[in-house]
Amino acid sequence: MSADASAEFVHLLRSQRVWDTALPPFDPEAAPDEPLPLFGRWFAEAVAAGQTEPHTMSLATVDEDGLPDVRTVMLHGADAEGWSFASHATSRKGRQLAARPCAALGFYWPAQGRQIRLRGPVTVAPPEASQADLHARSTGALAAALVGHQSEVLPSHKELEQASDAAWSQAHHEPTTPVPTWTLYHLHPNEAEFFQGDDQRRHVRLNYRRTDSGWLKELLWP
């Protein structure tokens, strides 16, 4: 990048505004004793506020060499089983989770200046649950799963188009086709942090930490 382009980029970067909207209050003293009910409430409020794709999240894993990796995935559920997402077991994230079964999740909902961070061990759902998860989704989701080869090197985009066309046809005509590598994962958080932004930078950070006797709630400095 040239000096002029770099200066232009910095100017553009610094001209961006953050939370150019009214932010909701958050009283951590009134928060529930466990993180799941609060997550459900904040998710519903994000939807009501018009947040785009509130069900997307960052998923961070670690590879065999201890190097971190992150990508955006879709939340498939949040309940007593944990926070759930899915992928091919043969994908990069699937191989990383097999080698090191722990992960972190990050949600960012700028419509309300909110973030949620969770981290903990990850377990694999039984095959029947993974297939039920896949077949409860859209035809497009099944078609994408049928294409397979996730994270592998793609020789040409034309090859992807051909594989996708065949997968869409199969998904339409055989909507219960199994995809053996499709895997549903559950993250069981040991920590869950709820961040409420404040326009005077007095952000509220409420952290839940799992202990032998249940969840401990504590405030963190912003």
Protein backbone atom coordinates (compact mmCIF):
# COMPACT_ATOMS: atom_id res chain seq x y z
CA MET A 1 0.00 0.00 0.00
CA SER A 2 1.39 3.39 -1.01
CA ALA A 3 1.80 6.24 1.47
CA ASP A 4 -1.18 8.09 -0.04
CA ALA A 5 -3.35 4.99 0.04
CA SER A 6 -2.28 4.29 3.60
CA ALA A 7 -3.14 7.84 4.69
CA GLU A 8 -6.50 7.63 2.93
CA PHE A 9 -7.23 4.32 4.66
CA VAL A 10 -6.36 5.74 8.09
CA HIS A 11 -8.58 8.77 7.46
CA LEU A 12 -11.45 6.53 6.38
CA LEU A 13 -10.90 4.23 9.34
CA ARG A 14 -10.90 7.03 11.91
CA SER A 15 -13.96 8.69 10.40
CA GLN A 16 -16.17 5.70 11.21
CA ARG A 17 -18.57 6.18 14.08
CA VAL A 18 -19.38 3.62 16.76
CA TRP A 19 -22.89 3.08 18.18
CA ASP A 20 -24.41 6.10 16.45
CA THR A 21 -27.70 5.24 18.15
CA ALA A 22 -29.30 5.25 21.59
CA LEU A 23 -27.96 2.36 23.68
CA PRO A 24 -30.15 0.44 26.13
CA PRO A 25 -29.39 0.39 29.86
CA PHE A 26 -28.19 -2.77 31.56
CA ASP A 27 -28.45 -3.34 35.29
CA PRO A 28 -26.15 -6.25 36.16
CA GLU A 29 -27.70 -6.48 39.63
CA ALA A 30 -30.96 -7.58 38.01
CA ALA A 31 -29.31 -10.21 35.79
CA PRO A 32 -30.37 -13.85 36.26
CA ASP A 33 -28.19 -16.31 38.15
CA GLU A 34 -27.21 -18.20 34.97
CA PRO A 35 -26.14 -16.93 31.54
CA LEU A 36 -28.61 -18.83 29.34
CA PRO A 37 -31.75 -16.84 30.32
CA LEU A 38 -29.91 -13.57 29.80
CA PHE A 39 -28.67 -14.73 26.41
CA GLY A 40 -32.22 -15.58 25.38
CA ARG A 41 -33.46 -12.16 26.49
CA TRP A 42 -30.68 -10.27 24.72
CA PHE A 43 -31.15 -12.31 21.56
CA ALA A 44 -34.87 -11.47 21.47
CA GLU A 45 -34.07 -7.80 22.06
CA ALA A 46 -31.48 -7.85 19.25
CA VAL A 47 -34.11 -9.24 16.87
CA ALA A 48 -36.64 -6.62 17.99
CA ALA A 49 -34.03 -3.88 17.46
CA GLY A 50 -33.57 -4.97 13.83
CA GLN A 51 -30.08 -6.37 14.27
CA THR A 52 -28.95 -8.01 11.02
CA GLU A 53 -28.27 -11.74 11.34
CA PRO A 54 -28.14 -11.88 15.14
CA HIS A 55 -27.75 -15.65 14.91
CA THR A 56 -24.28 -15.39 13.38
CA MET A 57 -21.25 -15.60 15.65
CA SER A 58 -17.48 -15.84 15.57
CA LEU A 59 -16.14 -19.30 16.38
CA ALA A 60 -12.54 -19.48 17.56
CA THR A 61 -10.63 -22.76 17.72
CA VAL A 62 -7.01 -23.83 18.08
CA ASP A 63 -5.13 -26.10 15.69
CA GLU A 64 -2.75 -28.95 16.47
CA ASP A 65 0.17 -26.50 16.74
CA GLY A 66 -1.62 -24.20 19.16
CA LEU A 67 -2.34 -21.50 16.56
CA PRO A 68 -5.72 -19.77 16.85
CA ASP A 69 -8.27 -19.72 14.06
CA VAL A 70 -11.58 -17.87 13.75
CA ARG A 71 -14.52 -17.74 11.36
CA THR A 72 -18.19 -16.70 11.30
CA VAL A 73 -20.76 -19.48 11.69
CA MET A 74 -24.46 -19.79 12.47
CA LEU A 75 -25.92 -20.55 15.88
CA HIS A 76 -28.10 -23.68 15.74
CA GLY A 77 -29.42 -23.57 19.28
CA ALA A 78 -28.82 -22.51 22.87
CA ASP A 79 -30.26 -24.67 25.65
CA ALA A 80 -29.25 -27.10 28.37
CA GLU A 81 -27.11 -28.94 25.78
CA GLY A 82 -25.02 -25.80 25.26
CA TRP A 83 -24.57 -23.33 22.42
CA SER A 84 -24.75 -25.38 19.22
CA PHE A 85 -23.22 -25.07 15.76
CA ALA A 86 -22.50 -27.54 12.98
CA SER A 87 -19.93 -28.35 10.33
CA HIS A 88 -18.31 -31.25 8.54
CA ALA A 89 -16.09 -33.28 10.85
CA THR A 90 -13.55 -33.26 8.01
CA SER A 91 -13.48 -29.46 7.74
CA ARG A 92 -10.67 -27.37 9.20
CA LYS A 93 -12.74 -26.46 12.25
CA GLY A 94 -13.85 -30.09 12.61
CA ARG A 95 -10.27 -31.35 12.60
CA GLN A 96 -9.22 -28.66 15.07
CA LEU A 97 -12.05 -29.54 17.44
CA ALA A 98 -11.14 -33.21 17.21
CA ALA A 99 -7.57 -32.39 18.22
CA ARG A 100 -8.46 -29.80 20.85
CA PRO A 101 -12.14 -29.98 21.88
CA CYS A 102 -12.55 -26.47 23.23
CA ALA A 103 -13.65 -23.22 21.61
CA ALA A 104 -14.82 -19.65 22.09
CA LEU A 105 -17.88 -17.91 20.66
CA GLY A 106 -18.38 -14.19 20.09
CA PHE A 107 -21.62 -12.36 19.29
CA TYR A 108 -21.63 -8.67 18.35
CA TRP A 109 -24.89 -6.78 18.03
CA PRO A 110 -24.01 -3.14 17.20
CA ALA A 111 -27.68 -2.13 16.98
CA GLN A 112 -27.58 -2.13 20.78
CA GLY A 113 -23.85 -1.93 21.48
CA ARG A 114 -23.78 -5.44 22.89
CA GLN A 115 -21.31 -8.28 22.84
CA ILE A 116 -21.48 -11.77 24.30
CA ARG A 117 -18.41 -13.97 24.71
CA LEU A 118 -18.43 -17.61 25.72
CA ARG A 119 -15.72 -20.22 26.00
CA GLY A 120 -15.45 -23.79 27.19
CA PRO A 121 -15.25 -27.43 26.16
CA VAL A 122 -17.01 -28.72 23.05
CA THR A 123 -18.78 -32.06 22.72
CA VAL A 124 -20.07 -33.88 19.65
CA ALA A 125 -23.77 -34.73 19.34
CA PRO A 126 -24.80 -38.29 18.42
CA PRO A 127 -24.99 -38.96 14.65
CA GLU A 128 -28.78 -39.09 14.67
CA ALA A 129 -28.96 -35.66 16.29
CA SER A 130 -26.52 -34.26 13.73
CA GLN A 131 -28.59 -35.59 10.83
CA ALA A 132 -31.82 -34.33 12.39
CA ASP A 133 -30.23 -30.89 12.73
CA LEU A 134 -29.23 -30.90 9.07
CA HIS A 135 -32.61 -32.04 7.77
CA ALA A 136 -34.46 -29.48 9.89
CA ARG A 137 -32.70 -26.72 7.93
CA SER A 138 -33.28 -25.38 4.43
CA THR A 139 -32.83 -27.13 1.10
CA GLY A 140 -29.86 -24.85 0.49
CA ALA A 141 -28.22 -25.95 3.72
CA LEU A 142 -28.58 -29.61 2.72
CA ALA A 143 -27.25 -28.86 -0.76
CA ALA A 144 -24.21 -27.10 0.67
CA ALA A 145 -23.56 -30.03 3.01
CA LEU A 146 -23.87 -32.50 0.14
CA VAL A 147 -21.23 -30.64 -1.85
CA GLY A 148 -18.75 -31.50 0.90
CA HIS A 149 -14.98 -31.01 0.61
CA GLN A 150 -15.12 -28.07 3.03
CA SER A 151 -11.72 -26.37 3.52
CA GLU A 152 -10.10 -28.49 0.81
CA VAL A 153 -8.28 -26.83 -2.11
CA LEU A 154 -10.69 -26.08 -5.00
CA PRO A 155 -9.12 -26.56 -8.46
CA SER A 156 -11.60 -24.20 -10.18
CA HIS A 157 -14.86 -22.39 -9.55
CA LYS A 158 -16.39 -24.33 -12.44
CA GLU A 159 -15.92 -27.54 -10.46
CA LEU A 160 -17.79 -25.98 -7.54
CA GLU A 161 -20.65 -24.95 -9.84
CA GLN A 162 -20.99 -28.50 -11.18
CA ALA A 163 -20.90 -30.08 -7.72
CA SER A 164 -23.39 -27.52 -6.38
CA ASP A 165 -25.85 -28.10 -9.25
CA ALA A 166 -25.78 -31.84 -8.58
CA ALA A 167 -26.18 -31.30 -4.84
CA TRP A 168 -29.15 -28.97 -5.27
CA SER A 169 -30.86 -31.52 -7.49
CA GLN A 170 -30.29 -34.28 -4.94
CA ALA A 171 -31.46 -32.07 -2.07
CA HIS A 172 -34.71 -31.29 -3.89
CA HIS A 173 -35.45 -34.90 -4.87
CA GLU A 174 -34.03 -36.66 -1.78
CA PRO A 175 -34.52 -34.24 1.14
CA THR A 176 -33.60 -36.87 3.75
CA THR A 177 -30.26 -37.78 2.18
CA PRO A 178 -27.75 -38.38 5.00
CA VAL A 179 -24.41 -36.58 5.09
CA PRO A 180 -22.21 -38.75 7.37
CA THR A 181 -19.59 -36.07 7.99
CA TRP A 182 -22.13 -33.46 9.09
CA THR A 183 -21.65 -32.93 12.81
CA LEU A 184 -23.52 -30.97 15.44
CA TYR A 185 -21.31 -29.52 18.17
CA HIS A 186 -22.25 -28.21 21.63
CA LEU A 187 -20.14 -25.65 23.46
CA HIS A 188 -20.60 -25.86 27.24
CA PRO A 189 -19.34 -22.51 28.56
CA ASN A 190 -17.19 -22.24 31.63
CA GLU A 191 -17.29 -18.46 31.18
CA ALA A 192 -19.87 -16.17 29.63
CA GLU A 193 -19.39 -12.41 29.44
CA PHE A 194 -22.15 -9.92 28.62
CA PHE A 195 -20.90 -6.51 27.46
CA GLN A 196 -23.16 -3.48 27.25
CA GLY A 197 -21.61 -0.50 25.53
CA ASP A 198 -21.95 3.03 26.92
CA ASP A 199 -21.54 6.23 24.91
CA GLN A 200 -19.31 7.67 27.67
CA ARG A 201 -17.16 4.52 27.59
CA ARG A 202 -18.43 3.35 30.98
CA HIS A 203 -19.17 -0.04 29.53
CA VAL A 204 -20.84 -2.68 31.69
CA ARG A 205 -19.13 -6.07 31.62
CA LEU A 206 -20.87 -8.85 33.52
CA ASN A 207 -18.95 -12.11 33.61
CA TYR A 208 -20.40 -15.48 34.59
CA ARG A 209 -17.84 -18.03 35.74
CA ARG A 210 -18.74 -21.64 36.42
CA THR A 211 -17.64 -23.00 39.81
CA ASP A 212 -18.19 -26.27 41.67
CA SER A 213 -21.18 -24.71 43.41
CA GLY A 214 -22.75 -23.06 40.35
CA TRP A 215 -22.32 -19.79 38.47
CA LEU A 216 -20.42 -16.88 39.97
CA LYS A 217 -21.28 -13.39 38.69
CA GLU A 218 -18.64 -10.67 38.70
CA LEU A 219 -18.19 -7.26 37.13
CA LEU A 220 -15.11 -6.51 35.03
CA TRP A 221 -13.40 -3.20 34.40
CA PRO A 222 -14.00 -2.01 30.85
